[in-house]
N, C-alpha and C. Protein backbone atom coordinates (compact mmCIF):
# COMPACT_ATOMS: atom_id res chain seq x y z
N MET A 1 0.84 -1.18 0.00
CA MET A 1 0.00 0.00 0.00
C MET A 1 0.89 1.25 0.00
N LEU A 2 0.67 2.11 -0.98
CA LEU A 2 1.46 3.32 -1.13
C LEU A 2 0.55 4.50 -1.46
N PRO A 3 0.98 5.73 -1.20
CA PRO A 3 0.19 6.90 -1.63
C PRO A 3 0.03 6.89 -3.15
N SER A 4 -1.05 7.53 -3.62
CA SER A 4 -1.33 7.50 -5.05
C SER A 4 -0.23 8.16 -5.87
N ASP A 5 0.52 9.10 -5.28
CA ASP A 5 1.60 9.73 -6.05
C ASP A 5 2.83 8.83 -6.18
N GLN A 6 2.77 7.65 -5.57
CA GLN A 6 3.86 6.68 -5.69
C GLN A 6 3.46 5.47 -6.53
N LEU A 7 2.42 5.65 -7.35
CA LEU A 7 1.94 4.55 -8.18
C LEU A 7 3.03 4.05 -9.13
N ASP A 8 3.80 4.99 -9.69
CA ASP A 8 4.89 4.62 -10.58
C ASP A 8 5.88 3.69 -9.87
N LEU A 9 6.25 4.06 -8.64
CA LEU A 9 7.19 3.25 -7.87
C LEU A 9 6.62 1.87 -7.60
N ALA A 10 5.33 1.81 -7.21
CA ALA A 10 4.71 0.52 -6.88
C ALA A 10 4.72 -0.42 -8.08
N ILE A 11 4.33 0.09 -9.25
CA ILE A 11 4.29 -0.75 -10.45
C ILE A 11 5.70 -1.14 -10.88
N HIS A 12 6.64 -0.21 -10.75
CA HIS A 12 8.03 -0.52 -11.08
C HIS A 12 8.57 -1.66 -10.20
N LEU A 13 8.26 -1.61 -8.89
CA LEU A 13 8.73 -2.66 -7.98
C LEU A 13 8.14 -4.01 -8.33
N GLU A 14 6.84 -4.04 -8.66
CA GLU A 14 6.20 -5.31 -8.99
C GLU A 14 6.76 -5.89 -10.29
N ALA A 15 7.00 -5.02 -11.27
CA ALA A 15 7.56 -5.50 -12.52
C ALA A 15 8.99 -6.02 -12.32
N ASP A 16 9.74 -5.33 -11.49
CA ASP A 16 11.11 -5.77 -11.20
C ASP A 16 11.11 -7.10 -10.48
N ARG A 17 10.17 -7.26 -9.57
CA ARG A 17 10.10 -8.51 -8.81
C ARG A 17 9.71 -9.69 -9.70
N MET A 18 8.97 -9.41 -10.77
CA MET A 18 8.51 -10.49 -11.64
C MET A 18 9.67 -11.23 -12.30
N ARG A 19 10.73 -10.51 -12.68
CA ARG A 19 11.81 -11.18 -13.39
C ARG A 19 13.18 -11.07 -12.72
N SER A 20 13.33 -10.22 -11.71
CA SER A 20 14.67 -9.94 -11.18
C SER A 20 14.89 -10.42 -9.76
N SER A 21 13.98 -11.20 -9.22
CA SER A 21 14.16 -11.69 -7.85
C SER A 21 15.34 -12.66 -7.80
N PHE A 22 16.16 -12.48 -6.79
CA PHE A 22 17.32 -13.36 -6.60
C PHE A 22 16.95 -14.43 -5.59
N ILE A 23 16.99 -15.67 -6.01
CA ILE A 23 16.57 -16.78 -5.14
C ILE A 23 17.82 -17.54 -4.71
N ALA A 24 18.25 -17.28 -3.50
CA ALA A 24 19.45 -17.93 -2.95
C ALA A 24 19.03 -19.00 -1.94
N ASP A 25 19.84 -20.05 -1.83
CA ASP A 25 19.50 -21.15 -0.93
C ASP A 25 19.44 -20.68 0.52
N GLU A 26 20.35 -19.79 0.93
CA GLU A 26 20.31 -19.31 2.32
C GLU A 26 19.05 -18.51 2.60
N ASP A 27 18.55 -17.80 1.59
CA ASP A 27 17.30 -17.05 1.77
C ASP A 27 16.12 -18.01 1.92
N ARG A 28 16.13 -19.09 1.12
CA ARG A 28 15.06 -20.08 1.23
C ARG A 28 15.05 -20.71 2.62
N GLN A 29 16.24 -21.02 3.13
CA GLN A 29 16.33 -21.63 4.45
C GLN A 29 15.83 -20.68 5.54
N LEU A 30 16.08 -19.40 5.38
CA LEU A 30 15.59 -18.42 6.36
C LEU A 30 14.08 -18.23 6.25
N GLU A 31 13.55 -18.32 5.03
CA GLU A 31 12.13 -18.06 4.81
C GLU A 31 11.27 -19.27 5.09
N MET A 32 11.84 -20.47 4.98
CA MET A 32 11.06 -21.69 5.16
C MET A 32 10.31 -21.73 6.49
N PRO A 33 10.93 -21.39 7.65
CA PRO A 33 10.17 -21.41 8.90
C PRO A 33 9.00 -20.42 8.91
N VAL A 34 9.13 -19.32 8.16
CA VAL A 34 8.04 -18.34 8.09
C VAL A 34 6.84 -18.96 7.37
N VAL A 35 7.11 -19.63 6.25
CA VAL A 35 6.03 -20.28 5.51
C VAL A 35 5.46 -21.43 6.33
N ARG A 36 6.32 -22.17 7.01
CA ARG A 36 5.85 -23.27 7.85
C ARG A 36 4.96 -22.75 8.98
N ASN A 37 5.31 -21.58 9.53
CA ASN A 37 4.50 -20.97 10.56
C ASN A 37 3.12 -20.62 10.03
N GLU A 38 3.06 -20.16 8.78
CA GLU A 38 1.77 -19.87 8.16
C GLU A 38 0.95 -21.15 8.03
N LEU A 39 1.61 -22.24 7.63
CA LEU A 39 0.94 -23.52 7.53
C LEU A 39 0.43 -23.97 8.90
N GLU A 40 1.26 -23.80 9.93
CA GLU A 40 0.87 -24.24 11.28
C GLU A 40 -0.27 -23.40 11.83
N ARG A 41 -0.33 -22.12 11.48
CA ARG A 41 -1.48 -21.31 11.91
C ARG A 41 -2.76 -21.90 11.35
N GLY A 42 -2.70 -22.35 10.11
CA GLY A 42 -3.87 -22.99 9.52
C GLY A 42 -4.23 -24.28 10.22
N GLU A 43 -3.19 -25.01 10.67
CA GLU A 43 -3.45 -26.28 11.37
C GLU A 43 -4.09 -26.05 12.73
N ASN A 44 -4.01 -24.84 13.25
CA ASN A 44 -4.65 -24.51 14.52
C ASN A 44 -6.07 -23.99 14.36
N GLU A 45 -6.56 -23.92 13.12
CA GLU A 45 -7.92 -23.50 12.84
C GLU A 45 -8.74 -24.74 12.49
N PRO A 46 -9.60 -25.21 13.39
CA PRO A 46 -10.33 -26.46 13.13
C PRO A 46 -11.12 -26.44 11.83
N GLY A 47 -11.75 -25.29 11.51
CA GLY A 47 -12.53 -25.22 10.28
C GLY A 47 -11.68 -25.39 9.05
N ARG A 48 -10.47 -24.82 9.08
CA ARG A 48 -9.58 -24.95 7.93
C ARG A 48 -9.09 -26.38 7.77
N ILE A 49 -8.77 -27.03 8.87
CA ILE A 49 -8.32 -28.41 8.80
C ILE A 49 -9.43 -29.31 8.27
N LEU A 50 -10.66 -29.11 8.76
CA LEU A 50 -11.78 -29.92 8.28
C LEU A 50 -11.99 -29.70 6.79
N ASP A 51 -11.93 -28.44 6.35
CA ASP A 51 -12.12 -28.13 4.94
C ASP A 51 -11.03 -28.78 4.09
N GLU A 52 -9.80 -28.75 4.58
CA GLU A 52 -8.68 -29.39 3.86
C GLU A 52 -8.93 -30.88 3.68
N ARG A 53 -9.43 -31.53 4.75
CA ARG A 53 -9.68 -32.97 4.67
C ARG A 53 -10.86 -33.27 3.75
N VAL A 54 -11.87 -32.40 3.74
CA VAL A 54 -13.01 -32.60 2.85
C VAL A 54 -12.54 -32.60 1.39
N TRP A 55 -11.70 -31.62 1.03
CA TRP A 55 -11.21 -31.55 -0.35
C TRP A 55 -10.34 -32.77 -0.68
N ALA A 56 -9.55 -33.19 0.29
CA ALA A 56 -8.68 -34.35 0.05
C ALA A 56 -9.50 -35.63 -0.14
N MET A 57 -10.66 -35.70 0.52
CA MET A 57 -11.53 -36.86 0.36
C MET A 57 -12.34 -36.77 -0.93
N ALA A 58 -12.75 -35.56 -1.30
CA ALA A 58 -13.61 -35.38 -2.47
C ALA A 58 -12.85 -35.55 -3.78
N PHE A 59 -11.55 -35.21 -3.75
CA PHE A 59 -10.73 -35.33 -4.97
C PHE A 59 -9.59 -36.30 -4.70
N ARG A 60 -9.69 -37.48 -5.28
CA ARG A 60 -8.66 -38.49 -5.09
C ARG A 60 -7.54 -38.36 -6.12
N GLU A 61 -7.86 -37.92 -7.33
CA GLU A 61 -6.90 -37.93 -8.43
C GLU A 61 -6.55 -36.54 -8.94
N HIS A 62 -7.47 -35.62 -8.91
CA HIS A 62 -7.23 -34.26 -9.42
C HIS A 62 -6.36 -33.48 -8.42
N PRO A 63 -5.54 -32.52 -8.89
CA PRO A 63 -4.70 -31.73 -7.97
C PRO A 63 -5.47 -30.94 -6.91
N TYR A 64 -6.78 -30.74 -7.06
CA TYR A 64 -7.54 -30.09 -5.99
C TYR A 64 -7.49 -30.89 -4.70
N HIS A 65 -7.00 -32.11 -4.77
CA HIS A 65 -6.78 -32.92 -3.57
C HIS A 65 -5.79 -32.24 -2.62
N HIS A 66 -4.87 -31.45 -3.16
CA HIS A 66 -3.78 -30.87 -2.37
C HIS A 66 -4.10 -29.44 -1.94
N PRO A 67 -3.76 -29.03 -0.71
CA PRO A 67 -3.93 -27.63 -0.30
C PRO A 67 -2.98 -26.73 -1.08
N THR A 68 -3.38 -25.48 -1.27
CA THR A 68 -2.58 -24.54 -2.05
C THR A 68 -1.19 -24.36 -1.48
N ILE A 69 -1.08 -24.27 -0.17
CA ILE A 69 0.22 -24.05 0.46
C ILE A 69 1.09 -25.30 0.42
N GLY A 70 0.49 -26.44 0.10
CA GLY A 70 1.22 -27.69 0.09
C GLY A 70 1.14 -28.39 1.43
N TRP A 71 1.77 -29.56 1.49
CA TRP A 71 1.85 -30.30 2.73
C TRP A 71 3.12 -29.90 3.47
N ARG A 72 3.22 -30.25 4.74
CA ARG A 72 4.37 -29.84 5.54
C ARG A 72 5.70 -30.27 4.89
N SER A 73 5.75 -31.48 4.39
CA SER A 73 6.99 -31.96 3.79
C SER A 73 7.36 -31.16 2.54
N ASP A 74 6.35 -30.63 1.82
CA ASP A 74 6.64 -29.77 0.67
C ASP A 74 7.34 -28.50 1.12
N VAL A 75 6.78 -27.87 2.16
CA VAL A 75 7.32 -26.61 2.66
C VAL A 75 8.73 -26.80 3.20
N GLU A 76 8.94 -27.90 3.92
CA GLU A 76 10.23 -28.12 4.57
C GLU A 76 11.30 -28.65 3.61
N GLY A 77 10.89 -29.37 2.57
CA GLY A 77 11.87 -30.09 1.78
C GLY A 77 12.10 -29.62 0.36
N ILE A 78 11.32 -28.66 -0.14
CA ILE A 78 11.49 -28.29 -1.55
C ILE A 78 12.88 -27.71 -1.80
N PRO A 79 13.58 -28.20 -2.81
CA PRO A 79 14.94 -27.68 -3.09
C PRO A 79 14.87 -26.27 -3.70
N THR A 80 15.87 -25.47 -3.42
CA THR A 80 15.94 -24.12 -3.98
C THR A 80 15.96 -24.16 -5.50
N ALA A 81 16.64 -25.13 -6.08
CA ALA A 81 16.71 -25.23 -7.53
C ALA A 81 15.32 -25.42 -8.14
N ARG A 82 14.44 -26.15 -7.44
CA ARG A 82 13.07 -26.36 -7.94
C ARG A 82 12.29 -25.05 -7.89
N LEU A 83 12.46 -24.29 -6.81
CA LEU A 83 11.80 -22.99 -6.73
C LEU A 83 12.27 -22.06 -7.85
N LYS A 84 13.56 -22.02 -8.07
CA LYS A 84 14.11 -21.15 -9.11
C LYS A 84 13.65 -21.57 -10.49
N GLU A 85 13.58 -22.88 -10.73
CA GLU A 85 13.10 -23.37 -12.01
C GLU A 85 11.65 -22.94 -12.27
N PHE A 86 10.82 -23.05 -11.24
CA PHE A 86 9.41 -22.65 -11.38
C PHE A 86 9.32 -21.15 -11.64
N TYR A 87 10.09 -20.36 -10.89
CA TYR A 87 10.10 -18.91 -11.05
C TYR A 87 10.54 -18.52 -12.47
N ASP A 88 11.63 -19.09 -12.93
CA ASP A 88 12.15 -18.75 -14.25
C ASP A 88 11.21 -19.16 -15.37
N THR A 89 10.45 -20.23 -15.16
CA THR A 89 9.57 -20.75 -16.20
C THR A 89 8.26 -19.97 -16.31
N TYR A 90 7.67 -19.62 -15.17
CA TYR A 90 6.28 -19.15 -15.19
C TYR A 90 6.07 -17.70 -14.76
N TYR A 91 7.05 -17.06 -14.11
CA TYR A 91 6.85 -15.68 -13.65
C TYR A 91 7.09 -14.70 -14.79
N HIS A 92 6.06 -14.59 -15.65
CA HIS A 92 6.07 -13.70 -16.80
C HIS A 92 4.69 -13.03 -16.91
N PRO A 93 4.62 -11.86 -17.56
CA PRO A 93 3.34 -11.13 -17.60
C PRO A 93 2.18 -11.90 -18.21
N ASN A 94 2.44 -12.79 -19.17
CA ASN A 94 1.33 -13.52 -19.79
C ASN A 94 0.71 -14.54 -18.84
N ASN A 95 1.34 -14.79 -17.68
CA ASN A 95 0.78 -15.69 -16.68
C ASN A 95 0.27 -14.93 -15.45
N ALA A 96 0.15 -13.61 -15.56
CA ALA A 96 -0.18 -12.80 -14.38
C ALA A 96 -1.33 -11.84 -14.69
N THR A 97 -1.94 -11.34 -13.62
CA THR A 97 -2.97 -10.32 -13.70
C THR A 97 -2.58 -9.18 -12.77
N VAL A 98 -2.58 -7.96 -13.28
CA VAL A 98 -2.27 -6.78 -12.46
C VAL A 98 -3.58 -6.20 -11.95
N ILE A 99 -3.67 -6.00 -10.63
CA ILE A 99 -4.85 -5.40 -10.01
C ILE A 99 -4.41 -4.15 -9.27
N VAL A 100 -5.00 -3.01 -9.60
CA VAL A 100 -4.66 -1.74 -8.98
C VAL A 100 -5.92 -1.19 -8.32
N VAL A 101 -5.82 -0.84 -7.04
CA VAL A 101 -6.97 -0.34 -6.29
C VAL A 101 -6.58 0.95 -5.59
N GLY A 102 -7.40 1.99 -5.69
CA GLY A 102 -7.10 3.21 -4.97
C GLY A 102 -7.45 4.46 -5.75
N ASP A 103 -6.87 5.56 -5.36
CA ASP A 103 -7.14 6.88 -5.94
C ASP A 103 -6.12 7.15 -7.05
N PHE A 104 -6.48 6.84 -8.28
CA PHE A 104 -5.57 7.03 -9.40
C PHE A 104 -6.38 7.22 -10.68
N GLU A 105 -5.73 7.75 -11.70
CA GLU A 105 -6.33 7.88 -13.01
C GLU A 105 -6.09 6.59 -13.80
N SER A 106 -7.16 6.03 -14.34
CA SER A 106 -7.03 4.75 -15.05
C SER A 106 -6.04 4.84 -16.21
N SER A 107 -6.09 5.94 -16.96
CA SER A 107 -5.20 6.07 -18.11
C SER A 107 -3.74 6.11 -17.67
N THR A 108 -3.48 6.79 -16.55
CA THR A 108 -2.11 6.86 -16.02
C THR A 108 -1.64 5.48 -15.58
N ALA A 109 -2.51 4.75 -14.87
CA ALA A 109 -2.15 3.41 -14.39
C ALA A 109 -1.86 2.48 -15.56
N LEU A 110 -2.69 2.52 -16.60
CA LEU A 110 -2.48 1.64 -17.75
C LEU A 110 -1.18 1.98 -18.47
N GLU A 111 -0.87 3.28 -18.56
CA GLU A 111 0.38 3.68 -19.20
C GLU A 111 1.59 3.17 -18.41
N LEU A 112 1.52 3.28 -17.08
CA LEU A 112 2.62 2.82 -16.24
C LEU A 112 2.78 1.30 -16.29
N ILE A 113 1.67 0.61 -16.31
CA ILE A 113 1.73 -0.85 -16.41
C ILE A 113 2.36 -1.26 -17.72
N GLY A 114 1.96 -0.61 -18.81
CA GLY A 114 2.55 -0.92 -20.11
C GLY A 114 4.03 -0.60 -20.16
N ARG A 115 4.42 0.51 -19.53
CA ARG A 115 5.81 0.93 -19.54
C ARG A 115 6.71 -0.06 -18.79
N HIS A 116 6.25 -0.52 -17.63
CA HIS A 116 7.12 -1.36 -16.80
C HIS A 116 7.00 -2.85 -17.11
N PHE A 117 5.79 -3.30 -17.44
CA PHE A 117 5.62 -4.73 -17.72
C PHE A 117 5.78 -5.05 -19.19
N GLY A 118 5.54 -4.07 -20.07
CA GLY A 118 5.58 -4.32 -21.50
C GLY A 118 6.88 -4.90 -22.01
N PRO A 119 8.05 -4.40 -21.56
CA PRO A 119 9.31 -4.93 -22.08
C PRO A 119 9.64 -6.36 -21.61
N ILE A 120 8.93 -6.86 -20.62
CA ILE A 120 9.24 -8.21 -20.11
C ILE A 120 8.72 -9.24 -21.10
N PRO A 121 9.54 -10.17 -21.55
CA PRO A 121 9.10 -11.14 -22.56
C PRO A 121 8.09 -12.13 -22.00
N ARG A 122 7.33 -12.72 -22.90
CA ARG A 122 6.40 -13.78 -22.53
C ARG A 122 7.18 -15.02 -22.09
N SER A 123 6.51 -15.84 -21.32
CA SER A 123 7.10 -17.11 -20.93
C SER A 123 7.31 -17.98 -22.17
N ALA A 124 8.47 -18.57 -22.26
CA ALA A 124 8.75 -19.46 -23.39
C ALA A 124 8.01 -20.78 -23.27
N HIS A 125 7.54 -21.09 -22.06
CA HIS A 125 6.84 -22.35 -21.81
C HIS A 125 5.44 -22.07 -21.30
N PRO A 126 4.41 -22.38 -22.06
CA PRO A 126 3.04 -22.16 -21.57
C PRO A 126 2.73 -23.04 -20.37
N ILE A 127 1.79 -22.61 -19.56
CA ILE A 127 1.36 -23.43 -18.43
C ILE A 127 0.77 -24.73 -18.98
N PRO A 128 1.25 -25.88 -18.53
CA PRO A 128 0.76 -27.14 -19.10
C PRO A 128 -0.74 -27.31 -18.86
N PRO A 129 -1.47 -27.79 -19.85
CA PRO A 129 -2.90 -28.04 -19.64
C PRO A 129 -3.09 -29.18 -18.65
N MET A 130 -4.16 -29.08 -17.87
CA MET A 130 -4.47 -30.13 -16.90
C MET A 130 -5.25 -31.25 -17.60
N TYR A 131 -4.69 -32.43 -17.61
CA TYR A 131 -5.34 -33.55 -18.28
C TYR A 131 -5.98 -34.53 -17.30
N THR A 132 -5.68 -34.39 -15.99
CA THR A 132 -6.27 -35.29 -15.00
C THR A 132 -7.70 -34.88 -14.72
N VAL A 133 -8.62 -35.79 -14.89
CA VAL A 133 -10.05 -35.55 -14.65
C VAL A 133 -10.48 -36.41 -13.48
N GLU A 134 -11.10 -35.79 -12.49
CA GLU A 134 -11.60 -36.54 -11.34
C GLU A 134 -12.73 -37.45 -11.78
N PRO A 135 -12.62 -38.76 -11.53
CA PRO A 135 -13.70 -39.67 -11.92
C PRO A 135 -14.94 -39.45 -11.06
N PRO A 136 -16.10 -39.85 -11.55
CA PRO A 136 -17.33 -39.70 -10.76
C PRO A 136 -17.19 -40.39 -9.41
N GLN A 137 -17.69 -39.74 -8.38
CA GLN A 137 -17.62 -40.33 -7.03
C GLN A 137 -18.63 -41.46 -6.91
N GLN A 138 -18.17 -42.56 -6.38
CA GLN A 138 -19.01 -43.75 -6.27
C GLN A 138 -19.75 -43.76 -4.93
N GLY A 139 -20.79 -42.97 -4.83
CA GLY A 139 -21.59 -42.96 -3.61
C GLY A 139 -21.09 -41.97 -2.58
N GLU A 140 -21.83 -41.87 -1.50
CA GLU A 140 -21.53 -40.93 -0.42
C GLU A 140 -20.28 -41.35 0.35
N VAL A 141 -19.49 -40.36 0.76
CA VAL A 141 -18.29 -40.60 1.55
C VAL A 141 -18.43 -39.82 2.86
N ARG A 142 -18.19 -40.46 3.98
CA ARG A 142 -18.26 -39.81 5.29
C ARG A 142 -16.96 -40.07 6.05
N PHE A 143 -16.58 -39.14 6.90
CA PHE A 143 -15.44 -39.37 7.79
C PHE A 143 -15.63 -38.53 9.04
N VAL A 144 -14.95 -38.94 10.10
CA VAL A 144 -14.96 -38.22 11.38
C VAL A 144 -13.53 -37.83 11.70
N LEU A 145 -13.32 -36.56 12.03
CA LEU A 145 -12.01 -36.05 12.40
C LEU A 145 -12.07 -35.63 13.86
N ARG A 146 -11.24 -36.22 14.71
CA ARG A 146 -11.27 -35.94 16.14
C ARG A 146 -10.04 -35.14 16.54
N ARG A 147 -10.28 -33.95 17.09
CA ARG A 147 -9.21 -33.08 17.58
C ARG A 147 -9.70 -32.38 18.84
N ALA A 148 -8.77 -31.85 19.62
CA ALA A 148 -9.16 -31.10 20.81
C ALA A 148 -9.88 -29.83 20.41
N GLY A 149 -10.95 -29.49 21.14
CA GLY A 149 -11.70 -28.28 20.81
C GLY A 149 -12.96 -28.19 21.63
N GLN A 150 -13.61 -27.03 21.56
CA GLN A 150 -14.80 -26.78 22.35
C GLN A 150 -16.08 -26.98 21.56
N LEU A 151 -16.06 -26.72 20.27
CA LEU A 151 -17.27 -26.79 19.45
C LEU A 151 -17.13 -27.83 18.35
N GLY A 152 -18.24 -28.46 18.02
CA GLY A 152 -18.26 -29.41 16.93
C GLY A 152 -18.45 -28.70 15.60
N LEU A 153 -17.88 -29.25 14.54
CA LEU A 153 -18.01 -28.71 13.20
C LEU A 153 -18.54 -29.79 12.28
N VAL A 154 -19.39 -29.39 11.36
CA VAL A 154 -19.91 -30.29 10.34
C VAL A 154 -19.72 -29.61 8.99
N GLU A 155 -19.19 -30.34 8.03
CA GLU A 155 -19.08 -29.80 6.67
C GLU A 155 -19.60 -30.83 5.68
N MET A 156 -20.41 -30.35 4.75
CA MET A 156 -20.94 -31.20 3.68
C MET A 156 -20.51 -30.60 2.35
N ALA A 157 -20.29 -31.44 1.36
CA ALA A 157 -19.82 -30.95 0.07
C ALA A 157 -20.43 -31.76 -1.06
N TRP A 158 -20.70 -31.07 -2.16
CA TRP A 158 -21.22 -31.69 -3.37
C TRP A 158 -20.36 -31.26 -4.54
N HIS A 159 -20.09 -32.17 -5.45
CA HIS A 159 -19.35 -31.83 -6.66
C HIS A 159 -20.22 -30.94 -7.56
N ILE A 160 -19.61 -29.88 -8.09
CA ILE A 160 -20.32 -28.96 -8.99
C ILE A 160 -19.48 -28.74 -10.24
N PRO A 161 -20.09 -28.20 -11.31
CA PRO A 161 -19.35 -28.00 -12.57
C PRO A 161 -18.32 -26.89 -12.47
N GLU A 162 -17.51 -26.77 -13.50
CA GLU A 162 -16.50 -25.73 -13.62
C GLU A 162 -17.16 -24.35 -13.76
N ALA A 163 -16.35 -23.30 -13.57
CA ALA A 163 -16.87 -21.93 -13.52
C ALA A 163 -17.55 -21.50 -14.82
N THR A 164 -17.15 -22.05 -15.96
CA THR A 164 -17.73 -21.64 -17.24
C THR A 164 -19.04 -22.36 -17.55
N HIS A 165 -19.46 -23.24 -16.69
CA HIS A 165 -20.71 -23.99 -16.92
C HIS A 165 -21.91 -23.06 -16.78
N PRO A 166 -22.98 -23.25 -17.56
CA PRO A 166 -24.16 -22.38 -17.46
C PRO A 166 -24.81 -22.35 -16.08
N ASP A 167 -24.61 -23.37 -15.27
CA ASP A 167 -25.22 -23.40 -13.94
C ASP A 167 -24.45 -22.61 -12.89
N SER A 168 -23.27 -22.09 -13.23
CA SER A 168 -22.43 -21.42 -12.24
C SER A 168 -23.12 -20.22 -11.61
N GLY A 169 -23.81 -19.44 -12.41
CA GLY A 169 -24.52 -18.27 -11.87
C GLY A 169 -25.56 -18.66 -10.84
N ALA A 170 -26.32 -19.70 -11.13
CA ALA A 170 -27.35 -20.15 -10.20
C ALA A 170 -26.73 -20.66 -8.90
N LEU A 171 -25.60 -21.34 -9.00
CA LEU A 171 -24.93 -21.84 -7.80
C LEU A 171 -24.39 -20.70 -6.95
N ALA A 172 -23.90 -19.63 -7.59
CA ALA A 172 -23.42 -18.47 -6.83
C ALA A 172 -24.57 -17.79 -6.10
N VAL A 173 -25.73 -17.70 -6.74
CA VAL A 173 -26.90 -17.12 -6.09
C VAL A 173 -27.35 -18.02 -4.94
N LEU A 174 -27.29 -19.32 -5.15
CA LEU A 174 -27.72 -20.26 -4.12
C LEU A 174 -26.90 -20.12 -2.84
N ASP A 175 -25.57 -19.95 -2.96
CA ASP A 175 -24.79 -19.87 -1.72
C ASP A 175 -25.13 -18.59 -0.94
N HIS A 176 -25.53 -17.51 -1.64
CA HIS A 176 -25.98 -16.31 -0.95
C HIS A 176 -27.33 -16.52 -0.28
N ILE A 177 -28.25 -17.17 -0.99
CA ILE A 177 -29.57 -17.44 -0.41
C ILE A 177 -29.44 -18.28 0.86
N LEU A 178 -28.52 -19.24 0.83
CA LEU A 178 -28.38 -20.15 1.96
C LEU A 178 -27.67 -19.52 3.16
N SER A 179 -26.68 -18.63 2.93
CA SER A 179 -25.84 -18.26 4.07
C SER A 179 -25.47 -16.78 4.19
N ALA A 180 -25.91 -15.92 3.30
CA ALA A 180 -25.50 -14.52 3.37
C ALA A 180 -26.41 -13.72 4.33
N GLY A 181 -25.93 -13.50 5.55
CA GLY A 181 -26.66 -12.66 6.49
C GLY A 181 -27.63 -13.42 7.38
N VAL A 182 -28.18 -12.68 8.35
CA VAL A 182 -29.05 -13.30 9.36
C VAL A 182 -30.40 -13.71 8.79
N THR A 183 -30.77 -13.19 7.62
CA THR A 183 -32.06 -13.57 7.02
C THR A 183 -31.92 -14.73 6.05
N SER A 184 -30.71 -15.29 5.92
CA SER A 184 -30.50 -16.39 4.98
C SER A 184 -31.22 -17.65 5.46
N ARG A 185 -31.41 -18.58 4.54
CA ARG A 185 -32.17 -19.80 4.84
C ARG A 185 -31.52 -20.62 5.96
N LEU A 186 -30.20 -20.83 5.87
CA LEU A 186 -29.54 -21.64 6.89
C LEU A 186 -29.50 -20.93 8.24
N SER A 187 -29.31 -19.62 8.22
CA SER A 187 -29.29 -18.88 9.48
C SER A 187 -30.65 -18.95 10.17
N GLN A 188 -31.70 -18.78 9.40
CA GLN A 188 -33.04 -18.84 9.97
C GLN A 188 -33.39 -20.25 10.46
N ALA A 189 -32.93 -21.26 9.73
CA ALA A 189 -33.28 -22.64 10.07
C ALA A 189 -32.44 -23.21 11.19
N LEU A 190 -31.18 -22.73 11.35
CA LEU A 190 -30.27 -23.37 12.28
C LEU A 190 -29.72 -22.45 13.36
N VAL A 191 -29.34 -21.22 13.00
CA VAL A 191 -28.77 -20.31 13.99
C VAL A 191 -29.87 -19.67 14.84
N GLU A 192 -30.94 -19.23 14.20
CA GLU A 192 -32.03 -18.59 14.93
C GLU A 192 -32.62 -19.49 16.01
N PRO A 193 -32.91 -20.78 15.73
CA PRO A 193 -33.40 -21.68 16.80
C PRO A 193 -32.29 -22.27 17.67
N ARG A 194 -31.05 -21.78 17.51
CA ARG A 194 -29.90 -22.17 18.33
C ARG A 194 -29.51 -23.64 18.17
N LEU A 195 -29.68 -24.14 16.97
CA LEU A 195 -29.16 -25.46 16.65
C LEU A 195 -27.70 -25.39 16.21
N ALA A 196 -27.27 -24.19 15.79
CA ALA A 196 -25.88 -23.94 15.40
C ALA A 196 -25.53 -22.51 15.79
N VAL A 197 -24.23 -22.25 15.96
CA VAL A 197 -23.81 -20.88 16.29
C VAL A 197 -23.30 -20.14 15.07
N ASP A 198 -22.97 -20.87 14.00
CA ASP A 198 -22.50 -20.22 12.79
C ASP A 198 -22.73 -21.16 11.61
N ILE A 199 -22.96 -20.58 10.44
CA ILE A 199 -23.18 -21.38 9.23
C ILE A 199 -22.47 -20.71 8.06
N GLY A 200 -22.27 -21.46 7.02
CA GLY A 200 -21.67 -20.90 5.81
C GLY A 200 -21.94 -21.80 4.63
N ALA A 201 -21.98 -21.20 3.45
CA ALA A 201 -22.11 -21.97 2.21
C ALA A 201 -21.24 -21.30 1.16
N GLN A 202 -20.65 -22.10 0.29
CA GLN A 202 -19.75 -21.53 -0.72
C GLN A 202 -19.76 -22.39 -1.96
N ALA A 203 -19.96 -21.75 -3.12
CA ALA A 203 -19.81 -22.42 -4.40
C ALA A 203 -18.40 -22.12 -4.91
N TYR A 204 -17.53 -23.12 -4.89
CA TYR A 204 -16.15 -22.95 -5.35
C TYR A 204 -16.11 -23.21 -6.85
N GLN A 205 -16.00 -22.14 -7.61
CA GLN A 205 -16.08 -22.23 -9.06
C GLN A 205 -14.68 -21.99 -9.65
N PHE A 206 -14.10 -23.06 -10.14
CA PHE A 206 -12.72 -23.03 -10.62
C PHE A 206 -12.67 -23.41 -12.10
N THR A 207 -11.44 -23.50 -12.63
CA THR A 207 -11.25 -23.92 -14.02
C THR A 207 -11.79 -25.32 -14.24
N ALA A 208 -11.55 -26.19 -13.29
CA ALA A 208 -12.09 -27.55 -13.33
C ALA A 208 -13.26 -27.63 -12.35
N PRO A 209 -14.10 -28.66 -12.44
CA PRO A 209 -15.21 -28.80 -11.51
C PRO A 209 -14.75 -28.73 -10.06
N GLY A 210 -15.51 -28.00 -9.22
CA GLY A 210 -15.14 -27.80 -7.82
C GLY A 210 -16.14 -28.40 -6.87
N LEU A 211 -16.38 -27.72 -5.75
CA LEU A 211 -17.30 -28.21 -4.74
C LEU A 211 -18.25 -27.10 -4.31
N PHE A 212 -19.43 -27.49 -3.90
CA PHE A 212 -20.35 -26.62 -3.16
C PHE A 212 -20.36 -27.12 -1.73
N THR A 213 -19.96 -26.26 -0.79
CA THR A 213 -19.85 -26.71 0.59
C THR A 213 -20.83 -25.97 1.50
N VAL A 214 -21.28 -26.67 2.52
CA VAL A 214 -22.08 -26.10 3.60
C VAL A 214 -21.41 -26.50 4.91
N ASP A 215 -21.11 -25.51 5.76
CA ASP A 215 -20.45 -25.83 7.03
C ASP A 215 -21.22 -25.23 8.19
N LEU A 216 -21.24 -25.97 9.29
CA LEU A 216 -21.97 -25.60 10.49
C LEU A 216 -21.05 -25.67 11.69
N THR A 217 -21.14 -24.70 12.58
CA THR A 217 -20.45 -24.76 13.87
C THR A 217 -21.51 -24.93 14.95
């Protein structure tokens, strides 16, 4: 976050970071505990852990099986050379989206983005297409996760189509009807009569088919 008169500096820094970051092994070793701490903070959130396990159960073969941050062994063991290879291959403007928020002139921002990002070449290697397709789930899957805590959590999930499917709009409206605010269907049915203290619903609409989840505390 910078003052609007420093927009040029902000865009220049981001463009420089895209191709000029120096990835040294000693820096990775110093940064690894920081990333691991972020992972461990998530492990201390019961709802996040339950959600992680739900996705791992719902997707056996597709990469959505894995959490975005990776597993602990990924964070602790990834070689610096692998990080550098990924950075050199994919950190290019054609694989990125620039988002600018604040008090600025759109024409000025676009000119600055073009000036700083424009000279950076495209990635020589396109992002590989995903060919793994999750097979249809063979019936209902249930599991119980036992951890120390004060409140019980329940999460349910259903497979839904990819974001470009015609039903995506209806699913997005449905998650709002079910859980957005105190007048939502789930809040009125479960929180108001004190059967639950919190509820949520989310349609996860991704490039590949995702999940529609409902969670209760």
